C-alpha atoms as a PDB file:
ATOM      1  CA  UNK A   1     -69.764 -56.395  33.487  1.00  0.00           C
ATOM      2  CA  UNK A   2     -71.025 -57.032  36.935  1.00  0.00           C
ATOM      3  CA  UNK A   3     -67.959 -58.369  38.762  1.00  0.00           C
ATOM      4  CA  UNK A   4     -67.006 -59.305  42.612  1.00  0.00           C
ATOM      5  CA  UNK A   5     -63.616 -58.790  43.884  1.00  0.00           C
ATOM      6  CA  UNK A   6     -62.623 -61.142  46.825  1.00  0.00           C
ATOM      7  CA  UNK A   7     -59.457 -59.058  48.869  1.00  0.00           C
ATOM      8  CA  UNK A   8     -60.060 -56.038  46.670  1.00  0.00           C
ATOM      9  CA  UNK A   9     -58.728 -53.976  49.291  1.00  0.00           C
ATOM     10  CA  UNK A  10     -55.804 -55.838  49.156  1.00  0.00           C
ATOM     11  CA  UNK A  11     -51.823 -54.892  47.743  1.00  0.00           C
ATOM     12  CA  UNK A  12     -52.878 -56.397  44.482  1.00  0.00           C
ATOM     13  CA  UNK A  13     -56.366 -56.614  44.502  1.00  0.00           C
ATOM     14  CA  UNK A  14     -56.343 -53.046  44.714  1.00  0.00           C
ATOM     15  CA  UNK A  15     -54.938 -52.981  40.851  1.00  0.00           C
ATOM     16  CA  UNK A  16     -57.826 -54.868  40.178  1.00  0.00           C
ATOM     17  CA  UNK A  17     -59.974 -52.832  41.305  1.00  0.00           C
ATOM     18  CA  UNK A  18     -59.144 -49.596  39.694  1.00  0.00           C
ATOM     19  CA  UNK A  19     -58.931 -51.725  36.758  1.00  0.00           C
ATOM     20  CA  UNK A  20     -62.212 -52.570  36.557  1.00  0.00           C
ATOM     21  CA  UNK A  21     -63.649 -49.319  37.755  1.00  0.00           C
ATOM     22  CA  UNK A  22     -61.635 -46.982  34.631  1.00  0.00           C
ATOM     23  CA  UNK A  23     -63.431 -50.140  32.509  1.00  0.00           C
ATOM     24  CA  UNK A  24     -66.863 -48.913  33.726  1.00  0.00           C
ATOM     25  CA  UNK A  25     -67.338 -52.195  35.320  1.00  0.00           C
ATOM     26  CA  UNK A  26     -69.404 -52.519  38.631  1.00  0.00           C
ATOM     27  CA  UNK A  27     -67.250 -53.832  41.218  1.00  0.00           C
ATOM     28  CA  UNK A  28     -68.626 -55.169  44.903  1.00  0.00           C
ATOM     29  CA  UNK A  29     -65.377 -55.955  47.602  1.00  0.00           C
ATOM     30  CA  UNK A  30     -65.331 -58.858  49.146  1.00  0.00           C
ATOM     31  CA  UNK A  31     -63.448 -58.635  52.857  1.00  0.00           C
ATOM     32  CA  UNK A  32     -62.892 -58.356  56.141  1.00  0.00           C
ATOM     33  CA  UNK A  33     -62.687 -54.720  56.563  1.00  0.00           C
ATOM     34  CA  UNK A  34     -64.157 -51.754  54.398  1.00  0.00           C
ATOM     35  CA  UNK A  35     -62.308 -49.624  52.308  1.00  0.00           C
ATOM     36  CA  UNK A  36     -61.927 -46.468  54.298  1.00  0.00           C
ATOM     37  CA  UNK A  37     -63.079 -43.324  52.373  1.00  0.00           C
ATOM     38  CA  UNK A  38     -60.805 -42.240  48.895  1.00  0.00           C
ATOM     39  CA  UNK A  39     -59.501 -45.974  49.392  1.00  0.00           C
ATOM     40  CA  UNK A  40     -60.445 -46.862  45.100  1.00  0.00           C
ATOM     41  CA  UNK A  41     -61.158 -44.068  42.702  1.00  0.00           C
ATOM     42  CA  UNK A  42     -64.790 -44.390  42.742  1.00  0.00           C
ATOM     43  CA  UNK A  43     -67.475 -45.579  44.698  1.00  0.00           C
ATOM     44  CA  UNK A  44     -67.683 -49.686  45.250  1.00  0.00           C
ATOM     45  CA  UNK A  45     -70.306 -52.117  46.534  1.00  0.00           C
ATOM     46  CA  UNK A  46     -68.265 -53.877  49.903  1.00  0.00           C
ATOM     47  CA  UNK A  47     -69.585 -57.111  51.475  1.00  0.00           C
ATOM     48  CA  UNK A  48     -67.934 -58.343  54.627  1.00  0.00           C
ATOM     49  CA  UNK A  49     -66.474 -61.120  55.484  1.00  0.00           C
ATOM     50  CA  UNK A  50     -63.846 -63.483  56.771  1.00  0.00           C
ATOM     51  CA  UNK A  51     -62.598 -65.956  54.230  1.00  0.00           C
ATOM     52  CA  UNK A  52     -64.382 -69.481  56.502  1.00  0.00           C
ATOM     53  CA  UNK A  53     -65.684 -71.901  53.514  1.00  0.00           C
ATOM     54  CA  UNK A  54     -69.249 -70.878  55.197  1.00  0.00           C
ATOM     55  CA  UNK A  55     -69.529 -68.125  54.185  1.00  0.00           C
ATOM     56  CA  UNK A  56     -69.930 -68.397  50.408  1.00  0.00           C
ATOM     57  CA  UNK A  57     -73.252 -68.911  49.433  1.00  0.00           C
ATOM     58  CA  UNK A  58     -74.864 -69.128  45.896  1.00  0.00           C
ATOM     59  CA  UNK A  59     -77.526 -67.105  47.099  1.00  0.00           C
ATOM     60  CA  UNK A  60     -75.857 -63.666  47.416  1.00  0.00           C
ATOM     61  CA  UNK A  61     -73.361 -64.830  44.141  1.00  0.00           C
ATOM     62  CA  UNK A  62     -76.355 -64.903  42.123  1.00  0.00           C
ATOM     63  CA  UNK A  63     -75.823 -61.971  39.436  1.00  0.00           C
ATOM     64  CA  UNK A  64     -72.534 -61.985  38.801  1.00  0.00           C
ATOM     65  CA  UNK A  65     -71.227 -62.075  35.656  1.00  0.00           C
ATOM     66  CA  UNK A  66     -67.806 -62.738  37.097  1.00  0.00           C
ATOM     67  CA  UNK A  67     -65.599 -63.641  40.189  1.00  0.00           C
ATOM     68  CA  UNK A  68     -62.152 -62.838  41.094  1.00  0.00           C
ATOM     69  CA  UNK A  69     -60.392 -64.663  43.704  1.00  0.00           C
ATOM     70  CA  UNK A  70     -57.437 -62.477  45.143  1.00  0.00           C
ATOM     71  CA  UNK A  71     -57.758 -62.367  49.436  1.00  0.00           C
ATOM     72  CA  UNK A  72     -55.623 -64.728  50.563  1.00  0.00           C
ATOM     73  CA  UNK A  73     -55.403 -65.056  54.477  1.00  0.00           C
ATOM     74  CA  UNK A  74     -51.588 -65.044  55.281  1.00  0.00           C
ATOM     75  CA  UNK A  75     -49.125 -64.449  58.367  1.00  0.00           C
ATOM     76  CA  UNK A  76     -48.475 -60.083  57.553  1.00  0.00           C
ATOM     77  CA  UNK A  77     -45.633 -59.658  55.048  1.00  0.00           C
ATOM     78  CA  UNK A  78     -45.137 -63.717  54.262  1.00  0.00           C
ATOM     79  CA  UNK A  79     -46.772 -66.148  51.784  1.00  0.00           C
ATOM     80  CA  UNK A  80     -44.173 -68.661  51.467  1.00  0.00           C
ATOM     81  CA  UNK A  81     -44.229 -69.784  55.603  1.00  0.00           C
ATOM     82  CA  UNK A  82     -47.608 -67.316  55.590  1.00  0.00           C
ATOM     83  CA  UNK A  83     -48.821 -70.293  57.721  1.00  0.00           C
ATOM     84  CA  UNK A  84     -47.445 -69.167  60.995  1.00  0.00           C
ATOM     85  CA  UNK A  85     -48.067 -71.287  64.199  1.00  0.00           C
ATOM     86  CA  UNK A  86     -51.659 -72.483  62.128  1.00  0.00           C
ATOM     87  CA  UNK A  87     -51.684 -74.773  59.462  1.00  0.00           C
ATOM     88  CA  UNK A  88     -54.921 -75.944  59.577  1.00  0.00           C
ATOM     89  CA  UNK A  89     -56.491 -72.867  60.291  1.00  0.00           C
ATOM     90  CA  UNK A  90     -54.393 -71.647  57.416  1.00  0.00           C
ATOM     91  CA  UNK A  91     -55.792 -74.352  54.818  1.00  0.00           C
ATOM     92  CA  UNK A  92     -59.393 -73.823  55.987  1.00  0.00           C
ATOM     93  CA  UNK A  93     -59.680 -70.745  55.319  1.00  0.00           C
ATOM     94  CA  UNK A  94     -57.236 -70.544  51.684  1.00  0.00           C
ATOM     95  CA  UNK A  95     -57.693 -73.732  50.324  1.00  0.00           C
ATOM     96  CA  UNK A  96     -60.654 -74.435  51.614  1.00  0.00           C
ATOM     97  CA  UNK A  97     -63.256 -71.057  51.408  1.00  0.00           C
ATOM     98  CA  UNK A  98     -61.354 -70.811  47.823  1.00  0.00           C
ATOM     99  CA  UNK A  99     -63.381 -73.989  46.810  1.00  0.00           C
ATOM    100  CA  UNK A 100     -66.602 -73.173  48.675  1.00  0.00           C
ATOM    101  CA  UNK A 101     -66.055 -69.924  46.552  1.00  0.00           C
ATOM    102  CA  UNK A 102     -65.852 -71.742  43.843  1.00  0.00           C
ATOM    103  CA  UNK A 103     -68.637 -73.871  44.120  1.00  0.00           C
ATOM    104  CA  UNK A 104     -70.545 -71.335  45.284  1.00  0.00           C
ATOM    105  CA  UNK A 105     -70.012 -69.481  41.943  1.00  0.00           C
ATOM    106  CA  UNK A 106     -70.899 -72.319  39.790  1.00  0.00           C
ATOM    107  CA  UNK A 107     -74.063 -73.374  41.774  1.00  0.00           C
ATOM    108  CA  UNK A 108     -74.898 -69.237  41.389  1.00  0.00           C
ATOM    109  CA  UNK A 109     -74.562 -69.551  37.496  1.00  0.00           C
ATOM    110  CA  UNK A 110     -71.920 -67.367  37.730  1.00  0.00           C
ATOM    111  CA  UNK A 111     -70.127 -67.991  34.044  1.00  0.00           C
ATOM    112  CA  UNK A 112     -66.174 -67.324  34.857  1.00  0.00           C
ATOM    113  CA  UNK A 113     -64.177 -66.936  37.802  1.00  0.00           C
ATOM    114  CA  UNK A 114     -60.199 -65.684  37.391  1.00  0.00           C
ATOM    115  CA  UNK A 115     -58.095 -67.265  41.008  1.00  0.00           C
ATOM    116  CA  UNK A 116     -54.825 -65.277  41.734  1.00  0.00           C
ATOM    117  CA  UNK A 117     -52.409 -68.017  41.933  1.00  0.00           C
ATOM    118  CA  UNK A 118     -48.880 -67.949  42.144  1.00  0.00           C
ATOM    119  CA  UNK A 119     -45.237 -69.444  40.640  1.00  0.00           C
ATOM    120  CA  UNK A 120     -44.915 -71.007  43.961  1.00  0.00           C
ATOM    121  CA  UNK A 121     -46.878 -74.424  42.471  1.00  0.00           C
ATOM    122  CA  UNK A 122     -44.282 -75.043  40.138  1.00  0.00           C
ATOM    123  CA  UNK A 123     -41.642 -75.153  43.764  1.00  0.00           C
ATOM    124  CA  UNK A 124     -37.789 -75.919  43.000  1.00  0.00           C
ATOM    125  CA  UNK A 125     -36.634 -76.607  39.458  1.00  0.00           C
ATOM    126  CA  UNK A 126     -33.667 -77.264  37.655  1.00  0.00           C
ATOM    127  CA  UNK A 127     -31.587 -74.083  37.987  1.00  0.00           C
ATOM    128  CA  UNK A 128     -32.507 -71.809  35.113  1.00  0.00           C
ATOM    129  CA  UNK A 129     -35.150 -74.267  33.912  1.00  0.00           C
ATOM    130  CA  UNK A 130     -37.852 -72.173  32.566  1.00  0.00           C
ATOM    131  CA  UNK A 131     -41.339 -72.459  33.916  1.00  0.00           C
ATOM    132  CA  UNK A 132     -44.333 -73.002  31.399  1.00  0.00           C
ATOM    133  CA  UNK A 133     -47.659 -73.738  31.991  1.00  0.00           C
ATOM    134  CA  UNK A 134     -46.871 -77.703  31.177  1.00  0.00           C
ATOM    135  CA  UNK A 135     -44.188 -77.373  33.767  1.00  0.00           C
ATOM    136  CA  UNK A 136     -45.279 -80.179  36.842  1.00  0.00           C
ATOM    137  CA  UNK A 137     -45.994 -78.595  39.713  1.00  0.00           C
ATOM    138  CA  UNK A 138     -44.125 -79.766  42.300  1.00  0.00           C
ATOM    139  CA  UNK A 139     -44.951 -77.103  45.922  1.00  0.00           C
ATOM    140  CA  UNK A 140     -42.139 -77.547  47.918  1.00  0.00           C
ATOM    141  CA  UNK A 141     -44.236 -74.960  50.429  1.00  0.00           C
ATOM    142  CA  UNK A 142     -48.083 -74.919  52.099  1.00  0.00           C
ATOM    143  CA  UNK A 143     -48.585 -71.523  50.367  1.00  0.00           C
ATOM    144  CA  UNK A 144     -47.639 -73.508  46.978  1.00  0.00           C
ATOM    145  CA  UNK A 145     -50.158 -76.595  47.526  1.00  0.00           C
ATOM    146  CA  UNK A 146     -52.600 -74.463  49.242  1.00  0.00           C
ATOM    147  CA  UNK A 147     -52.308 -72.442  45.955  1.00  0.00           C
ATOM    148  CA  UNK A 148     -52.579 -75.720  43.770  1.00  0.00           C
ATOM    149  CA  UNK A 149     -55.232 -77.672  45.487  1.00  0.00           C
ATOM    150  CA  UNK A 150     -57.339 -75.274  45.244  1.00  0.00           C
ATOM    151  CA  UNK A 151     -55.884 -74.484  40.683  1.00  0.00           C
ATOM    152  CA  UNK A 152     -57.233 -78.347  40.594  1.00  0.00           C
ATOM    153  CA  UNK A 153     -60.343 -78.237  42.295  1.00  0.00           C
ATOM    154  CA  UNK A 154     -61.527 -75.283  40.098  1.00  0.00           C
ATOM    155  CA  UNK A 155     -60.401 -76.685  36.667  1.00  0.00           C
ATOM    156  CA  UNK A 156     -62.088 -79.857  37.467  1.00  0.00           C
ATOM    157  CA  UNK A 157     -65.879 -77.742  37.743  1.00  0.00           C
ATOM    158  CA  UNK A 158     -65.217 -76.546  34.644  1.00  0.00           C
ATOM    159  CA  UNK A 159     -68.361 -77.042  31.999  1.00  0.00           C
ATOM    160  CA  UNK A 160     -69.927 -75.676  28.764  1.00  0.00           C
ATOM    161  CA  UNK A 161     -71.374 -72.927  31.478  1.00  0.00           C
ATOM    162  CA  UNK A 162     -68.833 -72.198  33.754  1.00  0.00           C
ATOM    163  CA  UNK A 163     -64.952 -70.797  32.703  1.00  0.00           C
ATOM    164  CA  UNK A 164     -62.600 -70.805  35.232  1.00  0.00           C
ATOM    165  CA  UNK A 165     -58.843 -69.528  34.606  1.00  0.00           C
ATOM    166  CA  UNK A 166     -55.844 -70.114  36.908  1.00  0.00           C
ATOM    167  CA  UNK A 167     -53.470 -67.181  37.142  1.00  0.00           C
ATOM    168  CA  UNK A 168     -49.658 -68.034  37.577  1.00  0.00           C
ATOM    169  CA  UNK A 169     -48.486 -64.854  39.133  1.00  0.00           C
ATOM    170  CA  UNK A 170     -44.532 -63.766  40.466  1.00  0.00           C
ATOM    171  CA  UNK A 171     -43.451 -60.927  42.460  1.00  0.00           C
ATOM    172  CA  UNK A 172     -45.741 -57.889  42.040  1.00  0.00           C
ATOM    173  CA  UNK A 173     -44.577 -54.174  42.823  1.00  0.00           C
ATOM    174  CA  UNK A 174     -46.088 -51.125  41.966  1.00  0.00           C
ATOM    175  CA  UNK A 175     -47.607 -47.981  44.396  1.00  0.00           C
ATOM    176  CA  UNK A 176     -49.900 -49.412  47.544  1.00  0.00           C
ATOM    177  CA  UNK A 177     -52.441 -47.496  48.127  1.00  0.00           C
ATOM    178  CA  UNK A 178     -53.421 -44.472  50.503  1.00  0.00           C
ATOM    179  CA  UNK A 179     -51.994 -44.372  53.704  1.00  0.00           C
ATOM    180  CA  UNK A 180     -49.935 -48.303  52.807  1.00  0.00           C
ATOM    181  CA  UNK A 181     -46.658 -48.571  51.934  1.00  0.00           C
ATOM    182  CA  UNK A 182     -45.091 -50.591  48.841  1.00  0.00           C
ATOM    183  CA  UNK A 183     -43.365 -53.509  48.844  1.00  0.00           C
ATOM    184  CA  UNK A 184     -39.788 -51.578  48.502  1.00  0.00           C
ATOM    185  CA  UNK A 185     -40.443 -48.914  51.073  1.00  0.00           C
ATOM    186  CA  UNK A 186     -38.861 -50.572  53.098  1.00  0.00           C
ATOM    187  CA  UNK A 187     -35.503 -50.909  50.711  1.00  0.00           C
ATOM    188  CA  UNK A 188     -36.143 -48.288  49.342  1.00  0.00           C
ATOM    189  CA  UNK A 189     -35.282 -46.026  52.797  1.00  0.00           C
ATOM    190  CA  UNK A 190     -32.377 -48.408  53.816  1.00  0.00           C
ATOM    191  CA  UNK A 191     -30.664 -47.475  50.688  1.00  0.00           C
ATOM    192  CA  UNK A 192     -31.398 -43.436  51.002  1.00  0.00           C
ATOM    193  CA  UNK A 193     -30.210 -43.510  54.197  1.00  0.00           C
ATOM    194  CA  UNK A 194     -26.868 -45.223  53.272  1.00  0.00           C
ATOM    195  CA  UNK A 195     -27.567 -48.321  54.939  1.00  0.00           C
ATOM    196  CA  UNK A 196     -25.591 -51.636  53.093  1.00  0.00           C
ATOM    197  CA  UNK A 197     -28.707 -53.689  51.682  1.00  0.00           C
ATOM    198  CA  UNK A 198     -28.184 -57.998  50.359  1.00  0.00           C
ATOM    199  CA  UNK A 199     -27.753 -59.138  47.261  1.00  0.00           C
ATOM    200  CA  UNK A 200     -31.229 -60.359  46.035  1.00  0.00           C
ATOM    201  CA  UNK A 201     -33.144 -60.999  42.411  1.00  0.00           C
ATOM    202  CA  UNK A 202     -35.648 -61.796  41.650  1.00  0.00           C
ATOM    203  CA  UNK A 203     -39.492 -61.615  38.925  1.00  0.00           C
ATOM    204  CA  UNK A 204     -41.190 -59.004  38.935  1.00  0.00           C
ATOM    205  CA  UNK A 205     -44.560 -57.492  37.428  1.00  0.00           C
ATOM    206  CA  UNK A 206     -46.425 -54.838  38.098  1.00  0.00           C
ATOM    207  CA  UNK A 207     -49.611 -54.643  39.303  1.00  0.00           C
ATOM    208  CA  UNK A 208     -51.342 -53.008  36.628  1.00  0.00           C
ATOM    209  CA  UNK A 209     -49.793 -55.195  34.490  1.00  0.00           C
ATOM    210  CA  UNK A 210     -52.090 -58.476  36.618  1.00  0.00           C
ATOM    211  CA  UNK A 211     -54.500 -56.458  35.933  1.00  0.00           C
ATOM    212  CA  UNK A 212     -54.409 -56.629  32.104  1.00  0.00           C
ATOM    213  CA  UNK A 213     -53.876 -59.932  32.698  1.00  0.00           C
ATOM    214  CA  UNK A 214     -57.284 -60.350  34.435  1.00  0.00           C
ATOM    215  CA  UNK A 215     -59.127 -58.087  31.988  1.00  0.00           C
ATOM    216  CA  UNK A 216     -58.284 -60.956  29.525  1.00  0.00           C
ATOM    217  CA  UNK A 217     -58.881 -63.800  31.710  1.00  0.00           C
ATOM    218  CA  UNK A 218     -62.490 -62.052  32.019  1.00  0.00           C
ATOM    219  CA  UNK A 219     -63.097 -61.410  28.589  1.00  0.00           C
ATOM    220  CA  UNK A 220     -61.463 -64.082  26.095  1.00  0.00           C
ATOM    221  CA  UNK A 221     -64.109 -66.039  24.574  1.00  0.00           C
ATOM    222  CA  UNK A 222     -62.396 -68.939  25.526  1.00  0.00           C
ATOM    223  CA  UNK A 223     -58.939 -68.838  27.764  1.00  0.00           C
ATOM    224  CA  UNK A 224     -56.800 -71.603  28.811  1.00  0.00           C
ATOM    225  CA  UNK A 225     -57.160 -73.291  32.034  1.00  0.00           C
ATOM    226  CA  UNK A 226     -54.221 -71.689  33.141  1.00  0.00           C
ATOM    227  CA  UNK A 227     -51.911 -68.451  32.909  1.00  0.00           C
ATOM    228  CA  UNK A 228     -48.150 -67.737  33.464  1.00  0.00           C
ATOM    229  CA  UNK A 229     -47.643 -63.198  34.862  1.00  0.00           C
ATOM    230  CA  UNK A 230     -44.617 -62.395  35.035  1.00  0.00           C
ATOM    231  CA  UNK A 231     -42.202 -59.529  33.940  1.00  0.00           C
ATOM    232  CA  UNK A 232     -38.541 -58.763  34.584  1.00  0.00           C
ATOM    233  CA  UNK A 233     -36.133 -60.431  36.475  1.00  0.00           C
ATOM    234  CA  UNK A 234     -35.092 -57.399  38.937  1.00  0.00           C
ATOM    235  CA  UNK A 235     -31.266 -57.130  40.797  1.00  0.00           C
ATOM    236  CA  UNK A 236     -31.660 -54.454  43.558  1.00  0.00           C
ATOM    237  CA  UNK A 237     -28.313 -53.549  42.358  1.00  0.00           C
ATOM    238  CA  UNK A 238     -30.228 -52.185  39.347  1.00  0.00           C
ATOM    239  CA  UNK A 239     -32.878 -51.098  41.097  1.00  0.00           C
ATOM    240  CA  UNK A 240     -30.930 -49.331  43.887  1.00  0.00           C
ATOM    241  CA  UNK A 241     -29.058 -47.847  40.939  1.00  0.00           C
ATOM    242  CA  UNK A 242     -32.358 -46.442  39.450  1.00  0.00           C
ATOM    243  CA  UNK A 243     -33.127 -44.454  42.719  1.00  0.00           C
ATOM    244  CA  UNK A 244     -29.432 -43.464  42.575  1.00  0.00           C
ATOM    245  CA  UNK A 245     -30.029 -42.449  38.855  1.00  0.00           C
ATOM    246  CA  UNK A 246     -33.355 -40.280  39.710  1.00  0.00           C
ATOM    247  CA  UNK A 247     -32.253 -38.716  43.101  1.00  0.00           C
ATOM    248  CA  UNK A 248     -28.384 -37.788  41.631  1.00  0.00           C
ATOM    249  CA  UNK A 249     -26.920 -38.888  44.527  1.00  0.00           C
ATOM    250  CA  UNK A 250     -23.856 -42.275  44.324  1.00  0.00           C
ATOM    251  CA  UNK A 251     -24.797 -44.380  47.635  1.00  0.00           C
ATOM    252  CA  UNK A 252     -22.967 -47.857  47.930  1.00  0.00           C
ATOM    253  CA  UNK A 253     -24.808 -50.383  45.640  1.00  0.00           C
ATOM    254  CA  UNK A 254     -25.017 -54.383  46.764  1.00  0.00           C
ATOM    255  CA  UNK A 255     -23.465 -56.848  44.965  1.00  0.00           C
ATOM    256  CA  UNK A 256     -25.108 -58.464  42.152  1.00  0.00           C
ATOM    257  CA  UNK A 257     -26.988 -61.569  42.905  1.00  0.00           C
ATOM    258  CA  UNK A 258     -26.408 -64.913  41.359  1.00  0.00           C
ATOM    259  CA  UNK A 259     -29.420 -65.064  39.280  1.00  0.00           C
ATOM    260  CA  UNK A 260     -28.109 -68.970  37.357  1.00  0.00           C
ATOM    261  CA  UNK A 261     -30.522 -70.120  39.586  1.00  0.00           C
ATOM    262  CA  UNK A 262     -33.423 -68.293  38.828  1.00  0.00           C
ATOM    263  CA  UNK A 263     -36.320 -70.048  36.875  1.00  0.00           C
ATOM    264  CA  UNK A 264     -37.888 -67.587  34.687  1.00  0.00           C
ATOM    265  CA  UNK A 265     -41.755 -67.996  33.333  1.00  0.00           C
ATOM    266  CA  UNK A 266     -42.610 -67.695  30.152  1.00  0.00           C
ATOM    267  CA  UNK A 267     -45.718 -66.129  29.244  1.00  0.00           C
ATOM    268  CA  UNK A 268     -46.345 -65.937  25.604  1.00  0.00           C
ATOM    269  CA  UNK A 269     -49.833 -67.901  25.864  1.00  0.00           C
ATOM    270  CA  UNK A 270     -50.658 -64.579  27.627  1.00  0.00           C
ATOM    271  CA  UNK A 271     -49.080 -62.550  24.901  1.00  0.00           C
ATOM    272  CA  UNK A 272     -50.748 -64.630  22.410  1.00  0.00           C
ATOM    273  CA  UNK A 273     -54.325 -62.405  23.479  1.00  0.00           C
ATOM    274  CA  UNK A 274     -52.728 -59.173  23.604  1.00  0.00           C
ATOM    275  CA  UNK A 275     -50.258 -59.053  27.107  1.00  0.00           C
ATOM    276  CA  UNK A 276     -48.001 -56.322  27.094  1.00  0.00           C
ATOM    277  CA  UNK A 277     -46.540 -55.875  30.657  1.00  0.00           C
ATOM    278  CA  UNK A 278     -44.038 -52.348  30.828  1.00  0.00           C
ATOM    279  CA  UNK A 279     -40.989 -53.821  31.492  1.00  0.00           C
ATOM    280  CA  UNK A 280     -37.656 -52.096  32.302  1.00  0.00           C
ATOM    281  CA  UNK A 281     -39.517 -48.658  31.483  1.00  0.00           C
ATOM    282  CA  UNK A 282     -42.468 -49.067  33.531  1.00  0.00           C
ATOM    283  CA  UNK A 283     -39.940 -50.067  36.699  1.00  0.00           C
ATOM    284  CA  UNK A 284     -38.099 -47.253  36.064  1.00  0.00           C
ATOM    285  CA  UNK A 285     -41.704 -44.939  36.150  1.00  0.00           C
ATOM    286  CA  UNK A 286     -43.222 -47.075  39.166  1.00  0.00           C
ATOM    287  CA  UNK A 287     -39.550 -46.181  41.692  1.00  0.00           C
ATOM    288  CA  UNK A 288     -39.494 -42.258  40.314  1.00  0.00           C
ATOM    289  CA  UNK A 289     -43.473 -42.402  41.919  1.00  0.00           C
ATOM    290  CA  UNK A 290     -42.407 -44.499  44.404  1.00  0.00           C
ATOM    291  CA  UNK A 291     -40.079 -41.797  45.309  1.00  0.00           C
ATOM    292  CA  UNK A 292     -42.006 -38.465  45.448  1.00  0.00           C
END
């Protein structure tokens, strides 16, 4: 399969590139900066460009078997409130550029597009409510609204020759690329240094499991238009307790977070296609790897 991945050098995008390379696919990465030598395990093609609607035209998309849209322009370190002081530019670079890419892919006769969306499209729900793909999407942030509007525009393009899939992904963890810091780098460093950490919990999924979900979205003959992607509810107390277990050093752990208001995601449809996330075993193995 010949696949274009936007944002392939990003934190999540790298997992997607590596999965497709391992599967023997030909990968082209679209992004602002070319990957450094050795960033990926194998050579990829690279197309330079910013997330601007004018940069996506059908002519250079012709010949791809699929497009994975994982790129997202935001203030570093933030998705919610990622617009910073430029809400209009945020919408243009994300919603409008995404829609332009989807439309260009269809015009170029690319048969499948996979869009990395977010659980933020659901917005706040009653405490403890389980989120299914049928749960009303009512985002309360510009980030969630931009993703939902791009989802809707993509779904409207579907026909017998064009299959779009939006993956609503929760928080992603895992090792970063060479020279990059993983998402828990600061947290783990502070804990090991004996600094206090606040209570916090959230839903997480390993980047490799996101890549496995993308593989299903690419390969399944008739995937649903929207799929939830989530694995574990991770409390920082439990995460840091794993660190202590691995290092053999007991340190001050944060209080257990109140998880009664967290909305877990039901991933039954994705699991029905054979998706098996790594769960606690993968979390433990990953923390050990991150500490090396």
